[in-house]
Amino acid sequence: MMEPIAPRSGALRLRCFLVVTILFVLSGCGGGGSSSSTAPTPSCSGGTPATLLSTSSNQMLVYQSTCQGLVNTPVVTLKICVPNTTNCEDVPNVLVDIGSTGLRLSHTVSIAGQLPQEQLSGQGLFECYAFVSGYNYGPVVSAQITLGNESALTVPVQISNSSLSAPTSCSNNGPSAPFQPDYNGILGLLFPQYDDGIYYNGSGGSLVNGTGTLSTSQQTLEVQNPVFLLPTGYNNGVLLSGFPNVPTSTGESNVQGVLTFGVGTSSGLTSLETHSDGYIDATYNTQTLPAFFDTGSNGLFIDNATITQCTGNLAGFFCGNANQSATLAGTNSQSVTFSFFIVDAQTLFSTGNNDFSSLGGFAPDAFDAGFPAFLTGKTIGVSWGIDVNLTGAGYFLYP
């Protein structure tokens, strides 16, 4: 097992997700241009569970990760193909993350080494993408993916490969933070369309265009939220629904829900417009804090030092109980009340369950409504418009 780490909040664009595993004790969380004659060891041996929910053509089943030891980890199975071939692999346990942008696969996934690397100026393209927990570095490849039953999309994908030596301009972002063996990839579904990572010509650390930023004419090579490429009507956001209202005191063993592409025009949800940096505002505990919803965070990570905090292997989680409420407001003068419970993490983990609506932890100066917020029987989503294809605000959708 990896060394225990404290939970860190998920966040937006170049910030991060968090998943902390629990397997007797907590262990921390966190690809390839050439092919190999032998298949690498899978990063996660769990497969896709039996489907309990029906889905339509613009939807995908979301399930609790089948990787051993993970809690509050919503994932999908993605069909990944070498472009314009029948060489495909169904890759399970790809994290659904509305706190980051772009598709990233572990270099340990078998098909990762068969995907052609993107080329720029005659050299292979590499990317550094920074999360709160550190950086992911690796080649940018081209892959054909299928979202729901929609037509396959050819998109740039970053392969996360911690065995590669990262340039200093990348490693300055903190430690290497690969997500294997916790899951096989990350499907980042946040706005804007492109991920704004640091890009390199070749493996020698030469920054693209001297700045690491791709020009407008080169932007088709940039890792992006693939939902933007779906047909009109399906490309304006995503919804997560169908998850049960999980008991606050005990949790549930495994949950399933539905990821819908396209938010429609009358979803019945309040649209909370974000600031240009992707945050809304939370009025909570006598403070106004930057707030966001994030499926990539496995707890409700909030700034409240009055709730008893855990120590030892559970450090970073709350070991107290509290009935809480916050007002979440968008820049469009819309607001909602978000009510939630915090239950002692020791109590929750002792149940042996995997999904908890009341798991939380301390995060200074932030209000991260992580995956527990989605386990309250409510539909929650993110949406965007043409104005956020490159930069700008989007919307969090909440009842």
Protein backbone atom coordinates (compact mmCIF):
# COMPACT_ATOMS: atom_id res chain seq x y z
CA MET A 1 0.00 0.00 0.00
CA MET A 2 0.99 3.59 -0.49
CA GLU A 3 1.71 5.78 2.50
CA PRO A 4 -1.34 7.40 4.12
CA ILE A 5 -2.10 10.94 2.98
CA ALA A 6 -4.63 13.48 4.17
CA PRO A 7 -7.59 14.31 1.97
CA ARG A 8 -7.23 17.28 -0.34
CA SER A 9 -10.09 19.10 -1.91
CA GLY A 10 -11.06 18.59 -5.51
CA ALA A 11 -11.12 21.72 -7.54
CA LEU A 12 -11.26 23.40 -10.87
CA ARG A 13 -9.24 23.51 -14.05
CA LEU A 14 -5.63 23.21 -12.89
CA ARG A 15 -6.56 22.38 -9.36
CA CYS A 16 -7.54 18.90 -8.27
CA PHE A 17 -9.54 15.92 -7.34
CA LEU A 18 -8.90 13.74 -4.36
CA VAL A 19 -9.51 10.14 -3.72
CA VAL A 20 -8.32 8.56 -0.48
CA THR A 21 -8.54 4.80 -0.27
CA ILE A 22 -9.35 2.78 2.81
CA LEU A 23 -8.03 -0.74 3.04
CA PHE A 24 -7.63 -1.56 6.72
CA VAL A 25 -5.70 1.72 6.89
CA LEU A 26 -5.92 4.67 4.57
CA SER A 27 -3.64 4.76 1.58
CA GLY A 28 -3.17 7.65 -0.80
CA CYS A 29 -4.18 8.28 -4.35
CA GLY A 30 -2.95 10.07 -6.76
CA GLY A 31 0.90 6.92 -20.47
CA GLY A 32 2.43 5.85 -23.71
CA GLY A 33 3.81 6.62 -27.09
CA SER A 34 5.21 3.21 -27.95
CA SER A 35 3.88 -0.31 -28.01
CA SER A 36 5.18 -3.23 -25.99
CA SER A 37 5.45 -6.93 -26.71
CA THR A 38 4.00 -7.76 -23.29
CA ALA A 39 0.92 -6.28 -21.65
CA PRO A 40 1.75 -4.17 -18.57
CA THR A 41 0.29 -4.99 -15.18
CA PRO A 42 -3.20 -3.47 -14.89
CA SER A 43 -3.46 -0.58 -12.47
CA CYS A 44 -6.78 -1.89 -11.18
CA SER A 45 -8.09 -5.43 -11.54
CA GLY A 46 -11.77 -4.63 -10.85
CA GLY A 47 -14.23 -4.81 -13.74
CA THR A 48 -17.58 -3.31 -14.69
CA PRO A 49 -20.38 -4.46 -12.36
CA ALA A 50 -23.79 -5.66 -13.49
CA THR A 51 -25.94 -2.78 -14.67
CA LEU A 52 -28.87 -2.06 -12.35
CA LEU A 53 -30.07 1.13 -14.06
CA SER A 54 -31.30 1.62 -17.61
CA THR A 55 -29.62 4.28 -19.76
CA SER A 56 -30.52 6.02 -23.01
CA SER A 57 -28.24 6.76 -25.96
CA ASN A 58 -26.81 9.94 -24.40
CA GLN A 59 -26.16 8.38 -21.00
CA MET A 60 -23.63 6.17 -19.26
CA LEU A 61 -23.77 4.03 -16.14
CA VAL A 62 -21.78 5.47 -13.23
CA TYR A 63 -20.80 3.00 -10.53
CA GLN A 64 -18.77 2.84 -7.35
CA SER A 65 -15.20 1.89 -8.23
CA THR A 66 -14.52 -1.84 -8.17
CA CYS A 67 -10.87 -1.20 -7.34
CA GLN A 68 -10.24 -2.63 -3.89
CA GLY A 69 -10.40 -0.22 -0.99
CA LEU A 70 -11.83 2.94 -2.58
CA VAL A 71 -14.68 4.93 -1.06
CA ASN A 72 -16.98 7.52 -2.68
CA THR A 73 -15.38 7.04 -6.10
CA PRO A 74 -17.78 7.35 -9.07
CA VAL A 75 -16.41 5.78 -12.24
CA VAL A 76 -17.43 4.76 -15.76
CA THR A 77 -16.24 2.20 -18.27
CA LEU A 78 -14.96 3.79 -21.48
CA LYS A 79 -14.48 2.11 -24.84
CA ILE A 80 -11.04 3.23 -26.03
CA CYS A 81 -9.90 2.50 -29.59
CA VAL A 82 -6.82 3.14 -31.69
CA PRO A 83 -8.25 5.69 -34.18
CA ASN A 84 -9.69 4.24 -37.39
CA THR A 85 -9.12 0.64 -36.32
CA THR A 86 -11.04 -2.12 -34.60
CA ASN A 87 -8.33 -2.34 -31.94
CA CYS A 88 -10.37 -1.39 -28.86
CA GLU A 89 -10.47 -1.99 -25.12
CA ASP A 90 -13.22 -1.44 -22.57
CA VAL A 91 -11.44 0.35 -19.74
CA PRO A 92 -13.31 0.21 -16.40
CA ASN A 93 -12.81 2.41 -13.35
CA VAL A 94 -12.31 5.75 -15.07
CA LEU A 95 -13.05 8.48 -12.51
CA VAL A 96 -15.89 10.87 -13.36
CA ASP A 97 -14.46 14.25 -12.34
CA ILE A 98 -16.38 17.50 -12.75
CA GLY A 99 -13.46 19.23 -11.02
CA SER A 100 -10.95 18.93 -13.89
CA THR A 101 -10.86 18.98 -17.67
CA GLY A 102 -9.84 16.28 -20.14
CA LEU A 103 -9.40 12.53 -20.43
CA ARG A 104 -6.29 11.00 -18.83
CA LEU A 105 -5.37 7.32 -18.84
CA SER A 106 -2.82 5.39 -16.84
CA HIS A 107 0.16 4.11 -18.83
CA THR A 108 -0.55 0.72 -17.25
CA VAL A 109 -3.78 0.33 -19.27
CA SER A 110 -2.97 -2.12 -22.05
CA ILE A 111 -4.19 -0.03 -24.97
CA ALA A 112 -2.38 3.10 -23.76
CA GLY A 113 0.89 1.96 -25.34
CA GLN A 114 -0.82 1.41 -28.71
CA LEU A 115 -2.34 4.88 -29.09
CA PRO A 116 -0.42 7.12 -31.54
CA GLN A 117 1.32 10.09 -29.99
CA GLU A 118 0.30 13.56 -31.21
CA GLN A 119 3.03 15.24 -33.26
CA LEU A 120 3.99 18.91 -33.36
CA SER A 121 6.87 20.25 -35.44
CA GLY A 122 8.06 16.71 -36.03
CA GLN A 123 8.25 15.83 -32.34
CA GLY A 124 6.00 13.98 -29.97
CA LEU A 125 3.76 16.16 -27.78
CA PHE A 126 3.97 15.89 -23.97
CA GLU A 127 1.90 17.56 -21.26
CA CYS A 128 2.15 18.49 -17.60
CA TYR A 129 -1.19 18.90 -15.83
CA ALA A 130 -1.17 20.19 -12.26
CA PHE A 131 -3.51 19.05 -9.50
CA VAL A 132 -3.56 20.09 -5.86
CA SER A 133 -1.91 16.77 -5.03
CA GLY A 134 0.88 17.33 -7.56
CA TYR A 135 1.40 16.91 -11.27
CA ASN A 136 0.66 14.36 -13.97
CA TYR A 137 3.20 14.16 -16.79
CA GLY A 138 3.18 12.11 -19.96
CA PRO A 139 2.65 11.99 -23.73
CA VAL A 140 -0.45 13.28 -25.48
CA VAL A 141 -1.94 10.61 -27.72
CA SER A 142 -4.91 10.32 -30.03
CA ALA A 143 -7.74 7.99 -29.05
CA GLN A 144 -11.21 7.19 -30.25
CA ILE A 145 -13.74 7.08 -27.43
CA THR A 146 -17.47 6.50 -27.15
CA LEU A 147 -19.67 8.43 -24.73
CA GLY A 148 -22.95 6.62 -24.23
CA ASN A 149 -24.10 5.29 -27.59
CA GLU A 150 -23.10 8.42 -29.48
CA SER A 151 -20.71 8.22 -32.42
CA ALA A 152 -17.08 7.65 -31.52
CA LEU A 153 -15.01 10.79 -30.98
CA THR A 154 -11.32 11.14 -31.75
CA VAL A 155 -9.76 13.22 -28.99
CA PRO A 156 -6.34 14.04 -27.54
CA VAL A 157 -5.70 12.10 -24.32
CA GLN A 158 -2.91 12.50 -21.78
CA ILE A 159 -1.17 9.33 -20.67
CA SER A 160 -0.09 9.65 -17.04
CA ASN A 161 3.30 8.01 -16.63
CA SER A 162 5.19 8.57 -13.40
CA SER A 163 8.17 6.58 -14.67
CA LEU A 164 9.04 9.41 -17.07
CA SER A 165 11.35 12.18 -15.95
CA ALA A 166 9.37 15.44 -15.93
CA PRO A 167 10.90 18.80 -16.91
CA THR A 168 11.67 21.18 -14.05
CA SER A 169 8.91 23.54 -15.17
CA CYS A 170 6.51 20.67 -14.51
CA SER A 171 7.97 19.17 -11.34
CA ASN A 172 7.89 22.64 -9.75
CA ASN A 173 4.14 22.02 -9.40
CA GLY A 174 4.79 19.63 -6.52
CA PRO A 175 5.29 15.87 -6.34
CA SER A 176 4.39 13.46 -9.11
CA ALA A 177 0.79 12.40 -8.44
CA PRO A 178 -0.14 9.47 -10.67
CA PHE A 179 -3.64 8.13 -10.10
CA GLN A 180 -2.79 4.46 -10.56
CA PRO A 181 -3.35 2.03 -8.85
CA ASP A 182 -6.50 3.73 -7.55
CA TYR A 183 -8.19 3.92 -10.94
CA ASN A 184 -7.41 3.57 -14.63
CA GLY A 185 -8.11 7.11 -15.76
CA ILE A 186 -9.85 10.42 -15.19
CA LEU A 187 -12.68 11.77 -17.33
CA GLY A 188 -12.58 15.51 -16.61
CA LEU A 189 -15.92 17.14 -17.47
CA LEU A 190 -15.42 20.74 -16.34
CA PHE A 191 -15.48 23.90 -18.46
CA PRO A 192 -13.75 25.49 -20.34
CA GLN A 193 -13.26 23.13 -23.27
CA TYR A 194 -9.46 23.00 -23.14
CA ASP A 195 -7.38 22.06 -20.12
CA ASP A 196 -4.71 24.82 -20.15
CA GLY A 197 -1.88 22.42 -19.28
CA ILE A 198 1.82 22.95 -19.97
CA TYR A 199 2.87 21.44 -23.31
CA TYR A 200 6.29 20.33 -24.53
CA ASN A 201 7.90 19.49 -27.88
CA GLY A 202 9.51 16.10 -27.36
CA SER A 203 10.71 14.64 -24.09
CA GLY A 204 13.59 17.07 -23.59
CA GLY A 205 11.53 19.70 -21.79
CA SER A 206 11.32 22.23 -24.63
CA LEU A 207 8.21 24.34 -24.02
CA VAL A 208 5.85 24.59 -27.00
CA ASN A 209 6.08 28.11 -28.47
CA GLY A 210 8.50 28.99 -25.66
CA THR A 211 5.62 29.29 -23.21
CA GLY A 212 4.13 25.80 -23.01
CA THR A 213 0.87 27.14 -24.46
CA LEU A 214 -0.55 25.88 -27.74
CA SER A 215 -1.61 28.51 -30.27
CA THR A 216 -5.15 28.72 -31.60
CA SER A 217 -4.13 26.87 -34.75
CA GLN A 218 -2.59 24.09 -32.62
CA GLN A 219 -5.47 23.82 -30.17
CA THR A 220 -6.96 20.70 -31.73
CA LEU A 221 -4.00 18.86 -30.17
CA GLU A 222 -4.83 20.09 -26.66
CA VAL A 223 -6.43 17.75 -24.12
CA GLN A 224 -10.06 18.78 -23.79
CA ASN A 225 -13.44 17.96 -22.32
CA PRO A 226 -14.78 15.55 -24.97
CA VAL A 227 -18.43 16.42 -24.25
CA PHE A 228 -17.91 19.68 -26.16
CA LEU A 229 -17.44 17.55 -29.31
CA LEU A 230 -20.79 15.77 -29.05
CA PRO A 231 -23.70 16.80 -31.32
CA THR A 232 -25.73 19.91 -30.52
CA GLY A 233 -28.11 19.25 -27.65
CA TYR A 234 -25.73 16.84 -25.97
CA ASN A 235 -22.68 19.12 -25.72
CA ASN A 236 -23.86 21.88 -23.35
CA GLY A 237 -23.16 20.15 -20.05
CA VAL A 238 -23.61 17.00 -17.99
CA LEU A 239 -25.96 15.81 -15.26
CA LEU A 240 -25.44 13.17 -12.61
CA SER A 241 -28.64 11.58 -11.37
CA GLY A 242 -30.18 8.37 -10.12
CA PHE A 243 -27.90 7.91 -7.11
CA PRO A 244 -29.85 6.90 -3.99
CA ASN A 245 -30.35 9.01 -0.89
CA VAL A 246 -27.67 7.24 1.14
CA PRO A 247 -28.33 6.88 4.91
CA THR A 248 -26.15 9.37 6.76
CA SER A 249 -25.27 7.06 9.64
CA THR A 250 -24.33 3.89 7.74
CA GLY A 251 -23.76 4.61 4.06
CA GLU A 252 -24.30 1.95 1.42
CA SER A 253 -22.17 -0.83 0.01
CA ASN A 254 -22.19 0.23 -3.64
CA VAL A 255 -24.20 2.80 -5.56
CA GLN A 256 -25.01 3.34 -9.22
CA GLY A 257 -26.20 6.43 -11.06
CA VAL A 258 -26.43 7.90 -14.54
CA LEU A 259 -24.21 10.40 -16.36
CA THR A 260 -26.26 12.33 -18.94
CA PHE A 261 -24.69 14.32 -21.78
CA GLY A 262 -26.71 17.48 -22.41
CA VAL A 263 -28.63 19.38 -19.74
CA GLY A 264 -31.73 20.28 -21.74
CA THR A 265 -33.57 23.57 -21.47
CA SER A 266 -35.86 22.88 -18.51
CA SER A 267 -34.07 20.55 -16.11
CA GLY A 268 -35.84 22.10 -13.09
CA LEU A 269 -32.51 22.95 -11.52
CA THR A 270 -31.20 26.31 -10.34
CA SER A 271 -28.31 27.59 -12.46
CA LEU A 272 -25.52 29.02 -10.31
CA GLU A 273 -23.23 31.00 -12.59
CA THR A 274 -19.58 30.82 -11.61
CA HIS A 275 -16.92 33.45 -11.47
CA SER A 276 -14.38 33.36 -14.31
CA ASP A 277 -12.16 31.10 -12.20
CA GLY A 278 -14.92 28.47 -11.98
CA TYR A 279 -16.06 29.06 -8.39
CA ILE A 280 -19.39 30.03 -6.89
CA ASP A 281 -19.76 31.51 -3.38
CA ALA A 282 -20.70 29.73 -0.18
CA THR A 283 -21.98 31.56 2.86
CA TYR A 284 -21.00 29.12 5.57
CA ASN A 285 -19.88 29.24 9.19
CA THR A 286 -19.96 33.09 9.20
CA GLN A 287 -17.67 33.18 6.14
CA THR A 288 -17.96 33.67 2.39
CA LEU A 289 -15.88 30.96 0.73
CA PRO A 290 -15.08 29.87 -2.84
CA ALA A 291 -17.28 26.85 -3.49
CA PHE A 292 -17.82 24.16 -6.09
CA PHE A 293 -19.32 20.71 -6.66
CA ASP A 294 -16.78 17.99 -7.43
CA THR A 295 -17.35 14.28 -8.03
CA GLY A 296 -13.60 13.79 -7.83
CA SER A 297 -13.51 14.61 -4.10
CA ASN A 298 -14.53 11.73 -1.87
CA GLY A 299 -15.71 13.93 1.00
CA LEU A 300 -17.32 17.24 1.89
CA PHE A 301 -14.15 19.28 2.49
CA ILE A 302 -15.03 22.49 4.32
CA ASP A 303 -13.51 25.23 6.43
CA ASN A 304 -14.88 24.42 9.89
CA ALA A 305 -12.35 23.99 12.67
CA THR A 306 -15.10 23.49 15.27
CA ILE A 307 -15.82 19.92 14.10
CA THR A 308 -13.50 17.37 15.72
CA GLN A 309 -10.79 16.26 13.31
CA CYS A 310 -9.37 12.76 13.08
CA THR A 311 -5.77 11.89 13.80
CA GLY A 312 -3.46 9.10 12.70
CA ASN A 313 -4.43 7.21 9.55
CA LEU A 314 -7.72 9.13 9.34
CA ALA A 315 -6.08 12.55 9.60
CA GLY A 316 -7.82 15.04 7.32
CA PHE A 317 -11.29 13.59 7.89
CA PHE A 318 -13.75 14.71 10.55
CA CYS A 319 -14.21 12.46 13.59
CA GLY A 320 -17.10 14.49 14.94
CA ASN A 321 -20.80 14.78 14.12
CA ALA A 322 -22.53 17.94 12.89
CA ASN A 323 -25.76 19.06 11.20
CA GLN A 324 -24.72 21.75 8.73
CA SER A 325 -26.11 24.15 6.13
CA ALA A 326 -24.66 26.59 3.60
CA THR A 327 -26.07 29.07 1.11
CA LEU A 328 -24.55 28.62 -2.34
CA ALA A 329 -24.83 31.60 -4.67
CA GLY A 330 -23.94 32.29 -8.29
CA THR A 331 -22.91 35.56 -9.89
CA ASN A 332 -26.34 35.61 -11.58
CA SER A 333 -28.04 36.35 -8.23
CA GLN A 334 -29.38 32.80 -7.96
CA SER A 335 -28.87 30.91 -4.70
CA VAL A 336 -29.79 27.60 -3.05
CA THR A 337 -29.60 26.12 0.43
CA PHE A 338 -27.32 23.10 0.72
CA SER A 339 -28.00 21.11 3.89
CA PHE A 340 -25.79 18.20 4.92
CA PHE A 341 -24.63 16.03 7.79
CA ILE A 342 -21.11 15.22 8.94
CA VAL A 343 -20.68 11.85 10.67
CA ASP A 344 -17.58 10.55 12.43
CA ALA A 345 -15.36 8.93 9.77
CA GLN A 346 -14.43 6.14 12.17
CA THR A 347 -18.11 5.24 12.50
CA LEU A 348 -18.65 5.30 8.76
CA PHE A 349 -15.60 3.23 7.83
CA SER A 350 -16.39 0.66 10.51
CA THR A 351 -19.54 -0.28 8.57
CA GLY A 352 -17.45 -1.77 5.76
CA ASN A 353 -19.49 0.20 3.22
CA ASN A 354 -18.05 2.17 0.30
CA ASP A 355 -20.41 5.12 -0.25
CA PHE A 356 -21.16 7.79 2.34
CA SER A 357 -23.25 10.96 2.09
CA SER A 358 -21.86 12.31 5.37
CA LEU A 359 -18.09 11.83 5.04
CA GLY A 360 -16.22 15.11 5.45
CA GLY A 361 -12.94 16.74 6.27
CA PHE A 362 -11.27 20.06 6.96
CA ALA A 363 -10.13 22.28 4.08
CA PRO A 364 -9.02 25.84 4.79
CA ASP A 365 -10.67 28.69 2.88
CA ALA A 366 -12.85 26.45 0.71
CA PHE A 367 -16.20 24.74 0.42
CA ASP A 368 -15.81 21.58 -1.64
CA ALA A 369 -19.13 19.79 -2.09
CA GLY A 370 -17.62 16.47 -3.07
CA PHE A 371 -19.25 13.20 -4.10
CA PRO A 372 -21.29 12.91 -0.85
CA ALA A 373 -23.41 15.82 -2.16
CA PHE A 374 -24.46 13.56 -5.04
CA LEU A 375 -25.60 10.82 -2.63
CA THR A 376 -28.62 12.76 -1.38
CA GLY A 377 -31.07 11.64 -4.07
CA LYS A 378 -30.64 14.88 -6.04
CA THR A 379 -29.66 15.60 -9.65
CA ILE A 380 -26.58 17.83 -9.87
CA GLY A 381 -24.75 19.02 -12.97
CA VAL A 382 -22.53 21.50 -14.74
CA SER A 383 -23.36 23.42 -17.88
CA TRP A 384 -21.73 25.85 -20.22
CA GLY A 385 -22.42 27.94 -23.28
CA ILE A 386 -20.58 29.03 -26.39
CA ASP A 387 -18.88 31.78 -24.36
CA VAL A 388 -16.93 29.24 -22.30
CA ASN A 389 -15.50 27.19 -25.15
CA LEU A 390 -12.15 28.79 -24.39
CA THR A 391 -12.42 30.84 -21.20
CA GLY A 392 -15.01 32.21 -18.84
CA ALA A 393 -17.69 31.07 -16.48
CA GLY A 394 -20.08 28.16 -16.53
CA TYR A 395 -22.86 27.00 -14.25
CA PHE A 396 -23.34 24.51 -11.46
CA LEU A 397 -26.86 23.07 -11.52
CA TYR A 398 -28.55 22.24 -8.23
CA PRO A 399 -32.16 21.74 -7.05
